Amino acid sequence: MNNCGSNNESLTIKKCDNFGTFTANDINCISTSIPIGGSIIPFSSGFEFILIGDNFSNGTNNVGLIGFGSSVSLVPLIGNTINLIGLPNEAFTVSRDGNITSISASFTYLVGVVDLETATVRAQIFRAPVGSNSFTATSASVDLAPSITALSGIGEISFGTANIPPVSVAVGDSLIMVFHVLEAGVAISGYASAGINIV
């Protein structure tokens, strides 16, 4: 007897092939392969963008924001804050309370001024509360590897992924995916993509 359907079903139909409301009478009707818990938010830069690490030795980095197939270059990051007033906005608004639990990102190097330094690219989520255009760095970040050097070739890909302690987000918060280099005086350009999981 097919515990997931009626007795007059075709013999070619496997257990649980039918969709809809039914009563599971045995373990064959229970699937544990469907992932639960969370939504993946994808990001992609689309066009090439530029990153500069503290070019003027004044504590200001010029970072890149990536959205959903678009990007913005040379956005000022002062201390731990990005203010988007008067700048293109790549943020999205959170639709429910939750927690960011993981982040993955990649950067494809095209060209840059690295000299003898290495350039470490970091992908990081910045958050602004409801009604604000001032975004602050969160602990949802990952450093990509390998680092970029003067010997890096066009098309070299740096990647990183991390499960992180939960970063809480609330309805109405705005989030942006930010790429920046950690070393001062480094200027590079490339393409990027990323994803976060919100549970």
Protein backbone atom coordinates (compact mmCIF):
# COMPACT_ATOMS: atom_id res chain seq x y z
CA MET A 1 0.00 0.00 0.00
CA ASN A 2 1.22 3.49 -0.82
CA ASN A 3 1.05 5.33 2.47
CA CYS A 4 1.36 8.69 0.68
CA GLY A 5 -1.51 8.31 -1.76
CA SER A 6 -4.45 6.18 -2.77
CA ASN A 7 -4.40 2.49 -3.71
CA ASN A 8 -5.45 3.16 -7.32
CA GLU A 9 -2.39 5.25 -8.25
CA SER A 10 -0.21 4.13 -11.15
CA LEU A 11 2.63 1.84 -10.16
CA THR A 12 5.05 4.26 -11.90
CA ILE A 13 4.36 6.94 -9.29
CA LYS A 14 6.85 6.83 -6.45
CA LYS A 15 5.94 7.47 -2.86
CA CYS A 16 5.42 11.20 -2.17
CA ASP A 17 5.46 12.19 -5.87
CA ASN A 18 2.05 13.81 -5.44
CA PHE A 19 1.92 17.29 -4.02
CA GLY A 20 -0.78 18.78 -1.87
CA THR A 21 -2.31 18.07 1.48
CA PHE A 22 -1.81 14.51 2.74
CA THR A 23 -1.21 12.62 5.95
CA ALA A 24 2.22 11.06 6.40
CA ASN A 25 1.82 7.52 7.69
CA ASP A 26 5.46 6.46 7.56
CA ILE A 27 8.96 7.89 7.46
CA ASN A 28 9.11 7.61 3.64
CA CYS A 29 6.78 10.61 3.46
CA ILE A 30 9.00 12.91 5.51
CA SER A 31 11.79 14.83 3.76
CA THR A 32 14.73 16.10 5.76
CA SER A 33 16.62 17.39 2.72
CA ILE A 34 14.82 20.73 2.44
CA PRO A 35 16.94 23.45 4.05
CA ILE A 36 15.19 25.61 6.61
CA GLY A 37 16.02 28.78 8.43
CA GLY A 38 17.05 31.91 6.64
CA SER A 39 17.12 33.77 3.37
CA ILE A 40 20.17 34.35 1.19
CA ILE A 41 20.56 37.96 0.04
CA PRO A 42 22.76 38.14 -3.09
CA PHE A 43 24.92 41.08 -4.19
CA SER A 44 26.77 41.79 -7.44
CA SER A 45 28.78 44.82 -8.52
CA GLY A 46 27.89 44.71 -12.21
CA PHE A 47 30.45 47.25 -13.39
CA GLU A 48 34.05 47.61 -12.24
CA PHE A 49 34.57 49.73 -9.13
CA ILE A 50 37.55 51.33 -7.38
CA LEU A 51 38.86 50.98 -3.81
CA ILE A 52 41.48 53.22 -2.19
CA GLY A 53 42.92 52.65 1.27
CA ASP A 54 43.48 55.91 3.22
CA ASN A 55 44.90 57.70 0.19
CA PHE A 56 45.41 61.03 1.97
CA SER A 57 46.56 59.67 5.36
CA ASN A 58 43.59 61.41 7.01
CA GLY A 59 41.74 58.31 8.20
CA THR A 60 39.37 58.27 5.22
CA ASN A 61 39.10 55.18 3.06
CA ASN A 62 37.39 55.28 -0.33
CA VAL A 63 35.25 52.17 -0.47
CA GLY A 64 32.94 50.49 -2.95
CA LEU A 65 29.28 49.68 -2.42
CA ILE A 66 27.69 46.85 -4.36
CA GLY A 67 24.00 46.23 -4.85
CA PHE A 68 22.03 43.96 -7.12
CA GLY A 69 23.98 44.31 -10.34
CA SER A 70 25.33 47.80 -9.72
CA SER A 71 28.05 49.49 -7.71
CA VAL A 72 29.36 52.84 -6.49
CA SER A 73 33.08 53.69 -6.28
CA LEU A 74 35.11 55.94 -4.00
CA VAL A 75 32.52 56.38 -1.24
CA PRO A 76 34.13 58.01 1.83
CA LEU A 77 34.43 55.76 4.89
CA ILE A 78 35.37 58.00 7.82
CA GLY A 79 36.27 56.06 10.91
CA ASN A 80 33.51 53.46 11.11
CA THR A 81 30.78 55.42 9.32
CA ILE A 82 29.49 55.98 5.80
CA ASN A 83 27.07 58.85 5.15
CA LEU A 84 25.07 58.43 1.94
CA ILE A 85 23.45 61.86 1.85
CA GLY A 86 23.95 63.14 -1.69
CA LEU A 87 25.46 59.84 -2.87
CA PRO A 88 23.99 56.94 -4.87
CA ASN A 89 22.29 54.47 -2.55
CA GLU A 90 22.93 50.72 -2.86
CA ALA A 91 21.17 49.85 0.41
CA PHE A 92 18.16 47.60 0.89
CA THR A 93 15.60 47.75 3.67
CA VAL A 94 15.08 44.83 6.06
CA SER A 95 11.50 43.53 5.98
CA ARG A 96 11.53 41.48 9.20
CA ASP A 97 13.50 41.13 12.40
CA GLY A 98 16.31 38.61 12.15
CA ASN A 99 20.01 37.84 12.44
CA ILE A 100 22.82 37.80 9.89
CA THR A 101 24.59 34.48 10.48
CA SER A 102 27.01 34.11 7.57
CA ILE A 103 28.72 36.06 4.80
CA SER A 104 30.56 35.05 1.63
CA ALA A 105 32.26 37.30 -0.92
CA SER A 106 34.62 37.32 -3.89
CA PHE A 107 36.62 40.04 -5.63
CA THR A 108 38.05 39.77 -9.16
CA TYR A 109 41.15 41.93 -9.49
CA LEU A 110 41.61 44.00 -12.65
CA VAL A 111 44.27 46.66 -12.02
CA GLY A 112 45.86 48.54 -9.15
CA VAL A 113 48.73 50.31 -7.43
CA VAL A 114 50.01 47.95 -4.78
CA ASP A 115 53.81 48.52 -4.90
CA LEU A 116 55.50 46.42 -2.22
CA GLU A 117 52.38 46.22 -0.08
CA THR A 118 49.75 43.55 -0.04
CA ALA A 119 46.13 44.56 -0.39
CA THR A 120 43.60 42.72 1.74
CA VAL A 121 40.03 43.17 0.56
CA ARG A 122 37.31 43.06 3.20
CA ALA A 123 33.59 42.62 2.53
CA GLN A 124 31.42 44.01 5.32
CA ILE A 125 27.79 44.83 6.05
CA PHE A 126 27.03 48.35 7.25
CA ARG A 127 23.69 49.16 8.89
CA ALA A 128 21.58 52.30 9.30
CA PRO A 129 18.50 52.50 11.54
CA VAL A 130 15.10 53.65 10.27
CA GLY A 131 15.16 57.25 9.10
CA SER A 132 18.95 57.54 8.85
CA ASN A 133 21.44 57.76 5.98
CA SER A 134 24.37 57.19 8.33
CA PHE A 135 25.65 53.60 8.12
CA THR A 136 27.87 51.99 10.74
CA ALA A 137 30.05 48.92 10.30
CA THR A 138 28.78 45.66 11.76
CA SER A 139 30.73 42.55 12.72
CA ALA A 140 29.31 40.80 9.64
CA SER A 141 32.55 40.81 7.66
CA VAL A 142 35.03 38.55 5.95
CA ASP A 143 38.58 39.12 4.66
CA LEU A 144 39.26 37.67 1.23
CA ALA A 145 42.22 35.52 0.22
CA PRO A 146 44.65 35.50 -1.37
CA SER A 147 45.72 39.08 -0.74
CA ILE A 148 46.47 41.16 -3.83
CA THR A 149 50.13 41.97 -4.51
CA ALA A 150 52.16 43.65 -7.23
CA LEU A 151 52.46 40.22 -8.84
CA SER A 152 48.72 39.58 -8.99
CA GLY A 153 47.42 39.01 -12.49
CA ILE A 154 44.32 40.39 -14.13
CA GLY A 155 41.38 38.17 -13.29
CA GLU A 156 42.79 36.79 -10.02
CA ILE A 157 39.94 36.01 -7.65
CA SER A 158 40.04 36.46 -3.89
CA PHE A 159 37.34 34.73 -1.86
CA GLY A 160 36.21 34.41 1.71
CA THR A 161 33.35 32.89 3.67
CA ALA A 162 32.53 32.93 7.37
CA ASN A 163 29.88 31.84 9.82
CA ILE A 164 29.61 34.73 12.26
CA PRO A 165 28.08 35.38 15.68
CA PRO A 166 24.53 36.58 14.96
CA VAL A 167 24.23 40.23 13.98
CA SER A 168 20.71 41.39 14.78
CA VAL A 169 18.73 43.43 12.25
CA ALA A 170 15.29 44.97 12.72
CA VAL A 171 12.41 45.87 10.44
CA GLY A 172 13.25 49.12 8.68
CA ASP A 173 17.03 48.88 9.05
CA SER A 174 18.96 49.60 5.86
CA LEU A 175 21.93 47.40 4.94
CA ILE A 176 24.73 47.94 2.43
CA MET A 177 27.47 45.59 1.29
CA VAL A 178 30.78 47.43 1.44
CA PHE A 179 34.14 46.40 -0.04
CA HIS A 180 37.31 48.12 1.16
CA VAL A 181 41.06 47.58 1.34
CA LEU A 182 42.72 47.49 4.75
CA GLU A 183 46.13 48.92 3.81
CA ALA A 184 46.81 52.64 3.38
CA GLY A 185 47.93 54.01 0.02
CA VAL A 186 46.63 51.08 -2.02
CA ALA A 187 44.35 51.63 -5.01
CA ILE A 188 42.75 48.72 -6.86
CA SER A 189 39.77 48.06 -9.07
CA GLY A 190 37.72 45.02 -9.94
CA TYR A 191 34.39 43.25 -9.82
CA ALA A 192 32.75 41.73 -6.77
CA SER A 193 29.91 39.57 -5.58
CA ALA A 194 28.69 38.53 -2.15
CA GLY A 195 25.89 36.94 -0.18
CA ILE A 196 24.61 36.97 3.38
CA ASN A 197 22.20 34.71 5.23
CA ILE A 198 19.50 36.29 7.38
CA VAL A 199 17.61 33.98 9.74
